[in-house]
Amino acid sequence: MSENTRKYTKIPGLRYREHATRKHGLQKDKYFIIRYMVDGKRKEEGLGWLSEGWTEKKAAARLFELKENNRIGIGCKTLAEKREQAHKQKEEEKTKTKEEESRTATFSEIFEKYITQAKQDKSASSCKDEISFFKNWLQPVMGELTMSEITPDTLNALKKTILENGRTPRTATYILAVVRQVFNYAKNYDLYLGDNPVSKIKKPTCDNRRIRFLTKKEADALLEHLKGVSGQLHDMALLSLYCGLRAGEIFSLAWNDVDFEHGILSIKDTKSGQNRSAVMTPDIKIMLEENKRTSNSKGLVFISTVGTRIDAVSKSFARAVEALGFNDGIDDHRQKVVFHTLRHTYASWLVMSGVDLYTVQKLMGHSTISMTERYSHLAPDHLKKAVKMLVANYA
């Protein structure tokens, strides 16, 4: 900016320049500039525009303040120092506000912030479950407590209440996991400054793995029943039963993931975080080819009646299981037939057919072989004998 574009005011050290086109009210917008001495050297700094709230009177007052500070040797000597001080003060006030909030915010208030963020990062079904846990278990016990008032004793009492009300250890673990995530969220956003109390809680343990799998006769009966209820539900059940897909993997399966030429399905974004491939059986290939011919979707293989991604297994599946009597007289949830039983059946049938556990692990997408070893008792006798020999020879 050349010197001759600046205009002087009647106040020594205060000048301004006018904007070429912009106006503030009836006059041209002005940018105020101050000049003064700092430690024997001339200092020039810009204050700001008239449209930003600076006036000649306000600018003169700031100039006088800085000159006086330099004369008596106290306070900020330059505008830059004053701005830095204002910024520091603002940050200190922000920190103080967060510290105050961390002392006074209740668990319910933090949960509301947490779940708002979770809705952007998690599936709708996961958020629905967490909201249900909060309303039924967390809010009554500690909703009105501040985060710092929630201790390991609070959480142990919560765990005891959950189990005494007939809920499974797995459910208690899920609920405690929600509490842990809320505390982690609060720590990440400086809304809580202490340690996460969930880290000091011993998780309730039990063998929650499913035991029940279908016989071939039961599977055929179920598929036949579903065919008369819903063609789409039948096809999804067929995929789980003969390709081992989880419900969420079926809901996310897109036509781009279906390789008809090689008979392969690409399963992406799985629960284990590792992509895998599933081999189409002849029945699966025929079913998908028929769906491809009749589908209106160019994206997902299965869509809801309104054209969106499906987010839950239809209740018609549970009604079909009830109609077939598969769960009659069964109280143990591990023995009950649910949609996930189809994937469990797929793995069970593989092992019973003599497929080695390593291959089953890859087909199932298990992150560790220990997850697959639960099926080892189903292995044919000749495989069991081979393992016994190995143990005997190297014991």
Foldseek 3Di string as FASTA:
>chain_A
DDPVQWADDPQPFKIWGFDPDDPDPPHTKIWIKGWDDAPNDIDIDTDGIVNVVDDPVNVSVVNVVLNVCRVVVDDDNDPVVVVVVVVVVVVVVVLVVLVVLLQQPFLLNLVVVVLVVVPVVDDPVLSVVLVVLCVPQVCVQGRRPRPVVDALVSLVVSLVVCVVVPHDLVVSVSSLVSLQSSVVVCVVVSNHDDDRRSVVDDRDDDPLAADAADDPVRLVLLLVLVVVVDVVLSLLLVCCQAQLDDPVQLLQFWPVQADLVQQKGWGAPDPLRDIAITGHDPVNSVSQVVLVVVPPDNTHSDADPVRHGDDDRDCVSVVSCVVVVQCPPPDRPSHDDDSSSSSVNNLLVCQLVPNDLVVSCRSNVPPDSVVSCVNNVNHDPVVVVVVVVVVVVVD
